PDB file of N, CA and C in Angstrom:
ATOM      1  N   MET A   1     -48.965-256.937  94.442  1.00  0.00           N
ATOM      2  CA  MET A   1     -48.813-255.542  94.095  1.00  0.00           C
ATOM      3  C   MET A   1     -50.120-254.817  94.421  1.00  0.00           C
ATOM      4  N   GLU A   2     -50.014-253.712  95.125  1.00  0.00           N
ATOM      5  CA  GLU A   2     -51.195-252.939  95.517  1.00  0.00           C
ATOM      6  C   GLU A   2     -51.607-251.987  94.399  1.00  0.00           C
ATOM      7  N   PRO A   3     -52.907-251.818  94.224  1.00  0.00           N
ATOM      8  CA  PRO A   3     -53.346-250.844  93.215  1.00  0.00           C
ATOM      9  C   PRO A   3     -53.029-249.430  93.691  1.00  0.00           C
ATOM     10  N   LYS A   4     -52.673-248.597  92.753  1.00  0.00           N
ATOM     11  CA  LYS A   4     -52.374-247.197  93.084  1.00  0.00           C
ATOM     12  C   LYS A   4     -53.678-246.424  93.185  1.00  0.00           C
ATOM     13  N   ILE A   5     -53.847-245.781  94.292  1.00  0.00           N
ATOM     14  CA  ILE A   5     -55.028-244.953  94.505  1.00  0.00           C
ATOM     15  C   ILE A   5     -54.571-243.503  94.482  1.00  0.00           C
ATOM     16  N   SER A   6     -55.108-242.787  93.542  1.00  0.00           N
ATOM     17  CA  SER A   6     -54.707-241.384  93.451  1.00  0.00           C
ATOM     18  C   SER A   6     -55.566-240.550  94.391  1.00  0.00           C
ATOM     19  N   LYS A   7     -54.933-239.597  94.976  1.00  0.00           N
ATOM     20  CA  LYS A   7     -55.649-238.682  95.859  1.00  0.00           C
ATOM     21  C   LYS A   7     -56.415-237.673  95.013  1.00  0.00           C
ATOM     22  N   PRO A   8     -57.588-237.290  95.464  1.00  0.00           N
ATOM     23  CA  PRO A   8     -58.327-236.285  94.684  1.00  0.00           C
ATOM     24  C   PRO A   8     -57.586-234.953  94.709  1.00  0.00           C
ATOM     25  N   THR A   9     -57.557-234.328  93.571  1.00  0.00           N
ATOM     26  CA  THR A   9     -56.897-233.028  93.499  1.00  0.00           C
ATOM     27  C   THR A   9     -57.885-231.943  93.895  1.00  0.00           C
ATOM     28  N   VAL A  10     -57.413-231.041  94.676  1.00  0.00           N
ATOM     29  CA  VAL A  10     -58.240-229.935  95.134  1.00  0.00           C
ATOM     30  C   VAL A  10     -57.630-228.654  94.596  1.00  0.00           C
ATOM     31  N   ALA A  11     -58.434-227.891  93.917  1.00  0.00           N
ATOM     32  CA  ALA A  11     -57.957-226.616  93.389  1.00  0.00           C
ATOM     33  C   ALA A  11     -57.793-225.638  94.539  1.00  0.00           C
ATOM     34  N   THR A  12     -56.623-225.063  94.632  1.00  0.00           N
ATOM     35  CA  THR A  12     -56.395-224.072  95.675  1.00  0.00           C
ATOM     36  C   THR A  12     -56.868-222.717  95.162  1.00  0.00           C
ATOM     37  N   PRO A  13     -57.659-222.022  95.936  1.00  0.00           N
ATOM     38  CA  PRO A  13     -58.142-220.716  95.483  1.00  0.00           C
ATOM     39  C   PRO A  13     -56.995-219.709  95.434  1.00  0.00           C
ATOM     40  N   GLU A  14     -57.074-218.842  94.452  1.00  0.00           N
ATOM     41  CA  GLU A  14     -56.059-217.809  94.345  1.00  0.00           C
ATOM     42  C   GLU A  14     -56.260-216.797  95.459  1.00  0.00           C
ATOM     43  N   THR A  15     -55.179-216.423  96.082  1.00  0.00           N
ATOM     44  CA  THR A  15     -55.278-215.458  97.168  1.00  0.00           C
ATOM     45  C   THR A  15     -55.450-214.055  96.594  1.00  0.00           C
ATOM     46  N   LEU A  16     -56.094-213.214  97.362  1.00  0.00           N
ATOM     47  CA  LEU A  16     -56.339-211.846  96.924  1.00  0.00           C
ATOM     48  C   LEU A  16     -55.090-210.981  97.069  1.00  0.00           C
ATOM     49  N   PHE A  17     -54.268-211.318  98.061  1.00  0.00           N
ATOM     50  CA  PHE A  17     -53.078-210.520  98.326  1.00  0.00           C
ATOM     51  C   PHE A  17     -51.820-211.295  97.984  1.00  0.00           C
ATOM     52  N   SER A  18     -50.846-210.594  97.485  1.00  0.00           N
ATOM     53  CA  SER A  18     -49.516-211.137  97.253  1.00  0.00           C
ATOM     54  C   SER A  18     -48.565-210.256  98.050  1.00  0.00           C
ATOM     55  N   GLY A  19     -48.331-210.645  99.293  1.00  0.00           N
ATOM     56  CA  GLY A  19     -47.578-209.784 100.200  1.00  0.00           C
ATOM     57  C   GLY A  19     -48.466-208.613 100.576  1.00  0.00           C
ATOM     58  N   PRO A  20     -47.954-207.397 100.512  1.00  0.00           N
ATOM     59  CA  PRO A  20     -48.787-206.237 100.856  1.00  0.00           C
ATOM     60  C   PRO A  20     -49.637-205.738  99.679  1.00  0.00           C
ATOM     61  N   TRP A  21     -49.467-206.336  98.507  1.00  0.00           N
ATOM     62  CA  TRP A  21     -50.129-205.844  97.303  1.00  0.00           C
ATOM     63  C   TRP A  21     -51.366-206.664  96.969  1.00  0.00           C
ATOM     64  N   ILE A  22     -52.365-206.004  96.400  1.00  0.00           N
ATOM     65  CA  ILE A  22     -53.565-206.686  95.921  1.00  0.00           C
ATOM     66  C   ILE A  22     -53.262-207.249  94.533  1.00  0.00           C
ATOM     67  N   ARG A  23     -53.658-208.492  94.306  1.00  0.00           N
ATOM     68  CA  ARG A  23     -53.491-209.104  92.985  1.00  0.00           C
ATOM     69  C   ARG A  23     -54.599-208.585  92.078  1.00  0.00           C
ATOM     70  N   TRP A  24     -54.234-207.766  91.124  1.00  0.00           N
ATOM     71  CA  TRP A  24     -55.178-207.084  90.246  1.00  0.00           C
ATOM     72  C   TRP A  24     -56.017-208.086  89.448  1.00  0.00           C
ATOM     73  N   GLN A  25     -55.423-209.217  89.042  1.00  0.00           N
ATOM     74  CA  GLN A  25     -56.135-210.202  88.233  1.00  0.00           C
ATOM     75  C   GLN A  25     -57.220-210.918  89.028  1.00  0.00           C
ATOM     76  N   ALA A  26     -57.129-210.928  90.352  1.00  0.00           N
ATOM     77  CA  ALA A  26     -58.117-211.626  91.179  1.00  0.00           C
ATOM     78  C   ALA A  26     -59.364-210.777  91.425  1.00  0.00           C
ATOM     79  N   LEU A  27     -59.346-209.513  91.024  1.00  0.00           N
ATOM     80  CA  LEU A  27     -60.478-208.619  91.259  1.00  0.00           C
ATOM     81  C   LEU A  27     -61.453-208.646  90.088  1.00  0.00           C
ATOM     82  N   THR A  28     -62.711-208.400  90.384  1.00  0.00           N
ATOM     83  CA  THR A  28     -63.702-208.250  89.318  1.00  0.00           C
ATOM     84  C   THR A  28     -63.568-206.854  88.716  1.00  0.00           C
ATOM     85  N   LEU A  29     -64.260-206.632  87.617  1.00  0.00           N
ATOM     86  CA  LEU A  29     -64.181-205.329  86.959  1.00  0.00           C
ATOM     87  C   LEU A  29     -64.680-204.213  87.867  1.00  0.00           C
ATOM     88  N   ALA A  30     -65.765-204.464  88.593  1.00  0.00           N
ATOM     89  CA  ALA A  30     -66.299-203.445  89.501  1.00  0.00           C
ATOM     90  C   ALA A  30     -65.312-203.143  90.627  1.00  0.00           C
ATOM     91  N   GLU A  31     -64.657-204.166  91.148  1.00  0.00           N
ATOM     92  CA  GLU A  31     -63.676-203.953  92.218  1.00  0.00           C
ATOM     93  C   GLU A  31     -62.462-203.199  91.704  1.00  0.00           C
ATOM     94  N   ARG A  32     -62.052-203.482  90.471  1.00  0.00           N
ATOM     95  CA  ARG A  32     -60.937-202.728  89.876  1.00  0.00           C
ATOM     96  C   ARG A  32     -61.303-201.254  89.726  1.00  0.00           C
ATOM     97  N   PHE A  33     -62.545-200.990  89.300  1.00  0.00           N
ATOM     98  CA  PHE A  33     -63.011-199.617  89.114  1.00  0.00           C
ATOM     99  C   PHE A  33     -62.977-198.854  90.435  1.00  0.00           C
ATOM    100  N   VAL A  34     -63.448-199.491  91.504  1.00  0.00           N
ATOM    101  CA  VAL A  34     -63.454-198.849  92.823  1.00  0.00           C
ATOM    102  C   VAL A  34     -62.030-198.611  93.306  1.00  0.00           C
ATOM    103  N   CYS A  35     -61.153-199.589  93.167  1.00  0.00           N
ATOM    104  CA  CYS A  35     -59.761-199.427  93.608  1.00  0.00           C
ATOM    105  C   CYS A  35     -59.054-198.322  92.828  1.00  0.00           C
ATOM    106  N   ALA A  36     -59.294-198.273  91.528  1.00  0.00           N
ATOM    107  CA  ALA A  36     -58.674-197.225  90.715  1.00  0.00           C
ATOM    108  C   ALA A  36     -59.159-195.848  91.144  1.00  0.00           C
ATOM    109  N   ASN A  37     -60.431-195.736  91.501  1.00  0.00           N
ATOM    110  CA  ASN A  37     -60.957-194.452  91.960  1.00  0.00           C
ATOM    111  C   ASN A  37     -60.415-194.081  93.334  1.00  0.00           C
ATOM    112  N   LEU A  38     -60.235-195.052  94.206  1.00  0.00           N
ATOM    113  CA  LEU A  38     -59.673-194.760  95.527  1.00  0.00           C
ATOM    114  C   LEU A  38     -58.250-194.230  95.415  1.00  0.00           C
ATOM    115  N   VAL A  39     -57.517-194.744  94.456  1.00  0.00           N
ATOM    116  CA  VAL A  39     -56.151-194.257  94.238  1.00  0.00           C
ATOM    117  C   VAL A  39     -56.172-192.946  93.464  1.00  0.00           C
ATOM    118  N   GLY A  40     -57.050-192.850  92.473  1.00  0.00           N
ATOM    119  CA  GLY A  40     -57.053-191.688  91.596  1.00  0.00           C
ATOM    120  C   GLY A  40     -57.662-190.433  92.173  1.00  0.00           C
ATOM    121  N   LEU A  41     -58.607-190.576  93.093  1.00  0.00           N
ATOM    122  CA  LEU A  41     -59.295-189.403  93.628  1.00  0.00           C
ATOM    123  C   LEU A  41     -58.352-188.399  94.296  1.00  0.00           C
ATOM    124  N   PRO A  42     -57.428-188.813  95.163  1.00  0.00           N
ATOM    125  CA  PRO A  42     -56.498-187.819  95.722  1.00  0.00           C
ATOM    126  C   PRO A  42     -55.614-187.173  94.660  1.00  0.00           C
ATOM    127  N   LEU A  43     -55.262-187.936  93.626  1.00  0.00           N
ATOM    128  CA  LEU A  43     -54.442-187.365  92.557  1.00  0.00           C
ATOM    129  C   LEU A  43     -55.219-186.310  91.775  1.00  0.00           C
ATOM    130  N   TRP A  44     -56.497-186.581  91.508  1.00  0.00           N
ATOM    131  CA  TRP A  44     -57.337-185.599  90.832  1.00  0.00           C
ATOM    132  C   TRP A  44     -57.512-184.356  91.693  1.00  0.00           C
ATOM    133  N   TRP A  45     -57.700-184.555  92.978  1.00  0.00           N
ATOM    134  CA  TRP A  45     -57.906-183.430  93.884  1.00  0.00           C
ATOM    135  C   TRP A  45     -56.649-182.567  93.959  1.00  0.00           C
ATOM    136  N   LEU A  46     -55.491-183.204  94.065  1.00  0.00           N
ATOM    137  CA  LEU A  46     -54.233-182.455  94.132  1.00  0.00           C
ATOM    138  C   LEU A  46     -53.953-181.697  92.838  1.00  0.00           C
ATOM    139  N   SER A  47     -54.357-182.257  91.722  1.00  0.00           N
ATOM    140  CA  SER A  47     -54.089-181.590  90.449  1.00  0.00           C
ATOM    141  C   SER A  47     -55.123-180.504  90.128  1.00  0.00           C
ATOM    142  N   GLY A  48     -56.170-180.387  90.948  1.00  0.00           N
ATOM    143  CA  GLY A  48     -57.164-179.347  90.733  1.00  0.00           C
ATOM    144  C   GLY A  48     -58.215-179.692  89.701  1.00  0.00           C
ATOM    145  N   LEU A  49     -58.255-180.937  89.276  1.00  0.00           N
ATOM    146  CA  LEU A  49     -59.212-181.348  88.251  1.00  0.00           C
ATOM    147  C   LEU A  49     -60.404-182.093  88.841  1.00  0.00           C
ATOM    148  N   TYR A  50     -60.704-181.838  90.089  1.00  0.00           N
ATOM    149  CA  TYR A  50     -61.750-182.576  90.792  1.00  0.00           C
ATOM    150  C   TYR A  50     -63.111-182.420  90.119  1.00  0.00           C
ATOM    151  N   TYR A  51     -63.406-181.252  89.583  1.00  0.00           N
ATOM    152  CA  TYR A  51     -64.716-181.013  88.977  1.00  0.00           C
ATOM    153  C   TYR A  51     -64.894-181.756  87.652  1.00  0.00           C
ATOM    154  N   TYR A  52     -63.788-182.170  87.039  1.00  0.00           N
ATOM    155  CA  TYR A  52     -63.863-182.891  85.773  1.00  0.00           C
ATOM    156  C   TYR A  52     -63.905-184.405  85.962  1.00  0.00           C
ATOM    157  N   LEU A  53     -63.806-184.881  87.183  1.00  0.00           N
ATOM    158  CA  LEU A  53     -63.732-186.315  87.446  1.00  0.00           C
ATOM    159  C   LEU A  53     -64.941-187.089  86.920  1.00  0.00           C
ATOM    160  N   PRO A  54     -66.187-186.662  87.140  1.00  0.00           N
ATOM    161  CA  PRO A  54     -67.321-187.442  86.603  1.00  0.00           C
ATOM    162  C   PRO A  54     -67.282-187.593  85.081  1.00  0.00           C
ATOM    163  N   ALA A  55     -66.906-186.537  84.387  1.00  0.00           N
ATOM    164  CA  ALA A  55     -66.840-186.615  82.924  1.00  0.00           C
ATOM    165  C   ALA A  55     -65.744-187.580  82.482  1.00  0.00           C
ATOM    166  N   VAL A  56     -64.615-187.543  83.142  1.00  0.00           N
ATOM    167  CA  VAL A  56     -63.513-188.444  82.785  1.00  0.00           C
ATOM    168  C   VAL A  56     -63.886-189.890  83.096  1.00  0.00           C
ATOM    169  N   LEU A  57     -64.551-190.135  84.226  1.00  0.00           N
ATOM    170  CA  LEU A  57     -64.980-191.494  84.559  1.00  0.00           C
ATOM    171  C   LEU A  57     -65.994-192.008  83.541  1.00  0.00           C
ATOM    172  N   LEU A  58     -66.922-191.164  83.134  1.00  0.00           N
ATOM    173  CA  LEU A  58     -67.906-191.560  82.133  1.00  0.00           C
ATOM    174  C   LEU A  58     -67.223-191.903  80.809  1.00  0.00           C
ATOM    175  N   LEU A  59     -66.289-191.071  80.389  1.00  0.00           N
ATOM    176  CA  LEU A  59     -65.560-191.349  79.151  1.00  0.00           C
ATOM    177  C   LEU A  59     -64.738-192.632  79.263  1.00  0.00           C
ATOM    178  N   ALA A  60     -64.171-192.885  80.433  1.00  0.00           N
ATOM    179  CA  ALA A  60     -63.390-194.107  80.629  1.00  0.00           C
ATOM    180  C   ALA A  60     -64.271-195.348  80.536  1.00  0.00           C
ATOM    181  N   VAL A  61     -65.446-195.307  81.135  1.00  0.00           N
ATOM    182  CA  VAL A  61     -66.358-196.457  81.084  1.00  0.00           C
ATOM    183  C   VAL A  61     -66.866-196.669  79.660  1.00  0.00           C
ATOM    184  N   VAL A  62     -67.243-195.600  78.971  1.00  0.00           N
ATOM    185  CA  VAL A  62     -67.708-195.713  77.589  1.00  0.00           C
ATOM    186  C   VAL A  62     -66.582-196.243  76.701  1.00  0.00           C
ATOM    187  N   GLY A  63     -65.389-195.719  76.870  1.00  0.00           N
ATOM    188  CA  GLY A  63     -64.249-196.194  76.089  1.00  0.00           C
ATOM    189  C   GLY A  63     -63.939-197.657  76.338  1.00  0.00           C
ATOM    190  N   TYR A  64     -64.028-198.077  77.578  1.00  0.00           N
ATOM    191  CA  TYR A  64     -63.775-199.478  77.908  1.00  0.00           C
ATOM    192  C   TYR A  64     -64.822-200.385  77.268  1.00  0.00           C
ATOM    193  N   GLN A  65     -66.091-199.981  77.321  1.00  0.00           N
ATOM    194  CA  GLN A  65     -67.155-200.779  76.711  1.00  0.00           C
ATOM    195  C   GLN A  65     -66.969-200.880  75.195  1.00  0.00           C
ATOM    196  N   LEU A  66     -66.622-199.767  74.563  1.00  0.00           N
ATOM    197  CA  LEU A  66     -66.395-199.795  73.121  1.00  0.00           C
ATOM    198  C   LEU A  66     -65.193-200.657  72.771  1.00  0.00           C
ATOM    199  N   TRP A  67     -64.163-200.604  73.583  1.00  0.00           N
ATOM    200  CA  TRP A  67     -62.952-201.378  73.327  1.00  0.00           C
ATOM    201  C   TRP A  67     -63.201-202.874  73.522  1.00  0.00           C
ATOM    202  N   GLN A  68     -63.931-203.251  74.575  1.00  0.00           N
ATOM    203  CA  GLN A  68     -64.163-204.660  74.876  1.00  0.00           C
ATOM    204  C   GLN A  68     -65.268-205.278  74.018  1.00  0.00           C
ATOM    205  N   ARG A  69     -66.381-204.582  73.863  1.00  0.00           N
ATOM    206  CA  ARG A  69     -67.558-205.168  73.220  1.00  0.00           C
ATOM    207  C   ARG A  69     -67.838-204.620  71.833  1.00  0.00           C
ATOM    208  N   GLY A  70     -67.310-203.461  71.518  1.00  0.00           N
ATOM    209  CA  GLY A  70     -67.581-202.857  70.225  1.00  0.00           C
ATOM    210  C   GLY A  70     -68.847-202.019  70.192  1.00  0.00           C
ATOM    211  N   ASN A  71     -69.625-202.053  71.281  1.00  0.00           N
ATOM    212  CA  ASN A  71     -70.819-201.213  71.386  1.00  0.00           C
ATOM    213  C   ASN A  71     -71.060-200.910  72.861  1.00  0.00           C
ATOM    214  N   LEU A  72     -72.026-200.043  73.115  1.00  0.00           N
ATOM    215  CA  LEU A  72     -72.299-199.666  74.500  1.00  0.00           C
ATOM    216  C   LEU A  72     -73.257-200.619  75.191  1.00  0.00           C
ATOM    217  N   GLY A  73     -74.003-201.397  74.446  1.00  0.00           N
ATOM    218  CA  GLY A  73     -74.929-202.351  75.045  1.00  0.00           C
ATOM    219  C   GLY A  73     -76.092-201.688  75.758  1.00  0.00           C
ATOM    220  N   LEU A  74     -76.606-200.602  75.197  1.00  0.00           N
ATOM    221  CA  LEU A  74     -77.706-199.881  75.826  1.00  0.00           C
ATOM    222  C   LEU A  74     -79.068-200.281  75.272  1.00  0.00           C
ATOM    223  N   ARG A  75     -79.104-201.232  74.354  1.00  0.00           N
ATOM    224  CA  ARG A  75     -80.386-201.671  73.792  1.00  0.00           C
ATOM    225  C   ARG A  75     -81.085-202.620  74.741  1.00  0.00           C
ATOM    226  N   ARG A  76     -82.399-202.712  74.571  1.00  0.00           N
ATOM    227  CA  ARG A  76     -83.174-203.646  75.403  1.00  0.00           C
ATOM    228  C   ARG A  76     -83.251-204.989  74.782  1.00  0.00           C
TER     229      ARG A  76
END
């Protein structure tokens, strides 16, 4: 009887695309932020709220930090 030799398992990397769509879970937080802005910027421009975009982005980042960490993490 021959000993069973198991083949080494290799983890397959998750692909970034699933068909024509980007897999949102495979992106980092910074990449998600950029993608959301690329999609959102034309919508803001069409709605006429382009001048308010920096304030809304700042509030979104602050809100996300408070929601995830409970603080802003601005201390040294």
